[in-house]
């Protein structure tokens, strides 16, 4: 079986905040897109 990959890191406080919601996303790609969306909103 292939182990799931870890999400790509972003800004530390975004990663810490999003970690609380990681269990809502079934795929790593959707979780990464959630993190990137927050980065874009803040920037």
PDB file of N, CA and C in Angstrom:
ATOM      1  N   UNK A   1       0.833  -1.171   0.000  1.00  0.00           N
ATOM      2  CA  UNK A   1       0.000   0.000   0.000  1.00  0.00           C
ATOM      3  C   UNK A   1       0.889   1.249   0.000  1.00  0.00           C
ATOM      4  N   UNK A   2       0.455   2.267  -0.677  1.00  0.00           N
ATOM      5  CA  UNK A   2       1.203   3.514  -0.756  1.00  0.00           C
ATOM      6  C   UNK A   2       0.808   4.408   0.413  1.00  0.00           C
ATOM      7  N   UNK A   3       1.803   4.959   1.068  1.00  0.00           N
ATOM      8  CA  UNK A   3       1.522   5.871   2.174  1.00  0.00           C
ATOM      9  C   UNK A   3       1.063   7.217   1.632  1.00  0.00           C
ATOM     10  N   UNK A   4       0.089   7.854   2.291  1.00  0.00           N
ATOM     11  CA  UNK A   4      -0.353   9.165   1.827  1.00  0.00           C
ATOM     12  C   UNK A   4       0.750  10.200   2.021  1.00  0.00           C
ATOM     13  N   UNK A   5       0.837  11.109   1.084  1.00  0.00           N
ATOM     14  CA  UNK A   5       1.877  12.132   1.201  1.00  0.00           C
ATOM     15  C   UNK A   5       1.405  13.251   2.118  1.00  0.00           C
ATOM     16  N   UNK A   6       2.357  13.983   2.645  1.00  0.00           N
ATOM     17  CA  UNK A   6       2.049  15.107   3.514  1.00  0.00           C
ATOM     18  C   UNK A   6       1.739  16.336   2.672  1.00  0.00           C
ATOM     19  N   UNK A   7       0.888  17.221   3.161  1.00  0.00           N
ATOM     20  CA  UNK A   7       0.599  18.440   2.410  1.00  0.00           C
ATOM     21  C   UNK A   7       1.826  19.346   2.344  1.00  0.00           C
ATOM     22  N   UNK A   8       1.904  20.111   1.275  1.00  0.00           N
ATOM     23  CA  UNK A   8       3.018  21.039   1.106  1.00  0.00           C
ATOM     24  C   UNK A   8       2.923  22.142   2.163  1.00  0.00           C
ATOM     25  N   UNK A   9       4.053  22.511   2.752  1.00  0.00           N
ATOM     26  CA  UNK A   9       4.015  23.557   3.783  1.00  0.00           C
ATOM     27  C   UNK A   9       3.775  24.939   3.183  1.00  0.00           C
ATOM     28  N   UNK A  10       3.120  25.789   3.953  1.00  0.00           N
ATOM     29  CA  UNK A  10       2.925  27.196   3.594  1.00  0.00           C
ATOM     30  C   UNK A  10       3.444  28.024   4.761  1.00  0.00           C
ATOM     31  N   UNK A  11       2.853  29.159   4.992  1.00  0.00           N
ATOM     32  CA  UNK A  11       3.234  30.013   6.116  1.00  0.00           C
ATOM     33  C   UNK A  11       2.866  29.297   7.419  1.00  0.00           C
ATOM     34  N   UNK A  12       3.693  29.430   8.425  1.00  0.00           N
ATOM     35  CA  UNK A  12       3.524  28.654   9.656  1.00  0.00           C
ATOM     36  C   UNK A  12       2.163  28.871  10.317  1.00  0.00           C
ATOM     37  N   UNK A  13       1.683  30.096  10.414  1.00  0.00           N
ATOM     38  CA  UNK A  13       0.412  30.299  11.102  1.00  0.00           C
ATOM     39  C   UNK A  13      -0.768  29.782  10.282  1.00  0.00           C
ATOM     40  N   UNK A  14      -0.642  29.750   8.959  1.00  0.00           N
ATOM     41  CA  UNK A  14      -1.673  29.147   8.109  1.00  0.00           C
ATOM     42  C   UNK A  14      -1.684  27.634   8.334  1.00  0.00           C
ATOM     43  N   UNK A  15      -0.514  27.023   8.365  1.00  0.00           N
ATOM     44  CA  UNK A  15      -0.425  25.577   8.603  1.00  0.00           C
ATOM     45  C   UNK A  15      -1.011  25.206   9.963  1.00  0.00           C
ATOM     46  N   UNK A  16      -0.716  25.996  10.976  1.00  0.00           N
ATOM     47  CA  UNK A  16      -1.222  25.705  12.320  1.00  0.00           C
ATOM     48  C   UNK A  16      -2.736  25.824  12.378  1.00  0.00           C
ATOM     49  N   UNK A  17      -3.272  26.847  11.758  1.00  0.00           N
ATOM     50  CA  UNK A  17      -4.720  27.051  11.750  1.00  0.00           C
ATOM     51  C   UNK A  17      -5.425  25.953  10.955  1.00  0.00           C
ATOM     52  N   UNK A  18      -4.907  25.637   9.793  1.00  0.00           N
ATOM     53  CA  UNK A  18      -5.546  24.653   8.916  1.00  0.00           C
ATOM     54  C   UNK A  18      -5.444  23.239   9.458  1.00  0.00           C
ATOM     55  N   UNK A  19      -4.482  22.987  10.306  1.00  0.00           N
ATOM     56  CA  UNK A  19      -4.328  21.655  10.891  1.00  0.00           C
ATOM     57  C   UNK A  19      -5.595  21.246  11.641  1.00  0.00           C
ATOM     58  N   UNK A  20      -6.302  22.216  12.185  1.00  0.00           N
ATOM     59  CA  UNK A  20      -7.539  21.930  12.907  1.00  0.00           C
ATOM     60  C   UNK A  20      -8.628  21.380  11.987  1.00  0.00           C
ATOM     61  N   UNK A  21      -8.552  21.693  10.697  1.00  0.00           N
ATOM     62  CA  UNK A  21      -9.586  21.315   9.740  1.00  0.00           C
ATOM     63  C   UNK A  21      -9.154  20.210   8.783  1.00  0.00           C
ATOM     64  N   UNK A  22      -7.994  19.655   8.972  1.00  0.00           N
ATOM     65  CA  UNK A  22      -7.470  18.659   8.032  1.00  0.00           C
ATOM     66  C   UNK A  22      -8.358  17.419   7.939  1.00  0.00           C
ATOM     67  N   UNK A  23      -8.987  17.026   9.022  1.00  0.00           N
ATOM     68  CA  UNK A  23      -9.813  15.814   8.991  1.00  0.00           C
ATOM     69  C   UNK A  23     -11.084  15.986   8.163  1.00  0.00           C
ATOM     70  N   UNK A  24     -11.429  17.215   7.771  1.00  0.00           N
ATOM     71  CA  UNK A  24     -12.609  17.450   6.939  1.00  0.00           C
ATOM     72  C   UNK A  24     -12.355  17.157   5.468  1.00  0.00           C
ATOM     73  N   UNK A  25     -11.092  17.069   5.080  1.00  0.00           N
ATOM     74  CA  UNK A  25     -10.726  16.891   3.680  1.00  0.00           C
ATOM     75  C   UNK A  25     -10.232  15.466   3.438  1.00  0.00           C
ATOM     76  N   UNK A  26     -10.913  14.736   2.561  1.00  0.00           N
ATOM     77  CA  UNK A  26     -10.531  13.341   2.339  1.00  0.00           C
ATOM     78  C   UNK A  26      -9.232  13.177   1.555  1.00  0.00           C
ATOM     79  N   UNK A  27      -8.858  14.169   0.755  1.00  0.00           N
ATOM     80  CA  UNK A  27      -7.653  14.070  -0.069  1.00  0.00           C
ATOM     81  C   UNK A  27      -6.670  15.178   0.298  1.00  0.00           C
ATOM     82  N   UNK A  28      -5.406  14.896   0.122  1.00  0.00           N
ATOM     83  CA  UNK A  28      -4.364  15.879   0.415  1.00  0.00           C
ATOM     84  C   UNK A  28      -4.492  17.081  -0.522  1.00  0.00           C
ATOM     85  N   UNK A  29      -4.843  16.828  -1.764  1.00  0.00           N
ATOM     86  CA  UNK A  29      -4.955  17.932  -2.730  1.00  0.00           C
ATOM     87  C   UNK A  29      -6.027  18.928  -2.327  1.00  0.00           C
ATOM     88  N   UNK A  30      -7.162  18.451  -1.858  1.00  0.00           N
ATOM     89  CA  UNK A  30      -8.223  19.367  -1.449  1.00  0.00           C
ATOM     90  C   UNK A  30      -7.814  20.154  -0.202  1.00  0.00           C
ATOM     91  N   UNK A  31      -7.093  19.511   0.708  1.00  0.00           N
ATOM     92  CA  UNK A  31      -6.597  20.217   1.888  1.00  0.00           C
ATOM     93  C   UNK A  31      -5.578  21.281   1.510  1.00  0.00           C
ATOM     94  N   UNK A  32      -4.689  20.966   0.566  1.00  0.00           N
ATOM     95  CA  UNK A  32      -3.717  21.956   0.101  1.00  0.00           C
ATOM     96  C   UNK A  32      -4.418  23.132  -0.566  1.00  0.00           C
ATOM     97  N   UNK A  33      -5.441  22.867  -1.334  1.00  0.00           N
ATOM     98  CA  UNK A  33      -6.178  23.961  -1.969  1.00  0.00           C
ATOM     99  C   UNK A  33      -6.860  24.842  -0.937  1.00  0.00           C
ATOM    100  N   UNK A  34      -7.345  24.256   0.131  1.00  0.00           N
ATOM    101  CA  UNK A  34      -7.914  25.027   1.232  1.00  0.00           C
ATOM    102  C   UNK A  34      -6.862  25.961   1.843  1.00  0.00           C
ATOM    103  N   UNK A  35      -5.669  25.431   2.058  1.00  0.00           N
ATOM    104  CA  UNK A  35      -4.596  26.255   2.611  1.00  0.00           C
ATOM    105  C   UNK A  35      -4.205  27.369   1.654  1.00  0.00           C
ATOM    106  N   UNK A  36      -4.098  27.055   0.373  1.00  0.00           N
ATOM    107  CA  UNK A  36      -3.720  28.072  -0.623  1.00  0.00           C
ATOM    108  C   UNK A  36      -4.798  29.146  -0.741  1.00  0.00           C
ATOM    109  N   UNK A  37      -6.046  28.760  -0.577  1.00  0.00           N
ATOM    110  CA  UNK A  37      -7.129  29.738  -0.609  1.00  0.00           C
ATOM    111  C   UNK A  37      -6.982  30.738   0.540  1.00  0.00           C
ATOM    112  N   UNK A  38      -6.669  30.245   1.729  1.00  0.00           N
ATOM    113  CA  UNK A  38      -6.478  31.154   2.871  1.00  0.00           C
ATOM    114  C   UNK A  38      -5.262  32.057   2.674  1.00  0.00           C
ATOM    115  N   UNK A  39      -4.204  31.532   2.073  1.00  0.00           N
ATOM    116  CA  UNK A  39      -3.025  32.349   1.809  1.00  0.00           C
ATOM    117  C   UNK A  39      -3.397  33.480   0.853  1.00  0.00           C
ATOM    118  N   UNK A  40      -4.175  33.166  -0.186  1.00  0.00           N
ATOM    119  CA  UNK A  40      -4.585  34.196  -1.157  1.00  0.00           C
ATOM    120  C   UNK A  40      -5.499  35.233  -0.523  1.00  0.00           C
ATOM    121  N   UNK A  41      -6.394  34.805   0.337  1.00  0.00           N
ATOM    122  CA  UNK A  41      -7.306  35.748   0.992  1.00  0.00           C
ATOM    123  C   UNK A  41      -6.524  36.716   1.883  1.00  0.00           C
ATOM    124  N   UNK A  42      -5.564  36.193   2.613  1.00  0.00           N
ATOM    125  CA  UNK A  42      -4.775  37.046   3.511  1.00  0.00           C
ATOM    126  C   UNK A  42      -3.859  37.983   2.726  1.00  0.00           C
ATOM    127  N   UNK A  43      -3.329  37.517   1.624  1.00  0.00           N
ATOM    128  CA  UNK A  43      -2.414  38.371   0.855  1.00  0.00           C
ATOM    129  C   UNK A  43      -3.203  39.358   0.041  1.00  0.00           C
TER     130      UNK A  43
END
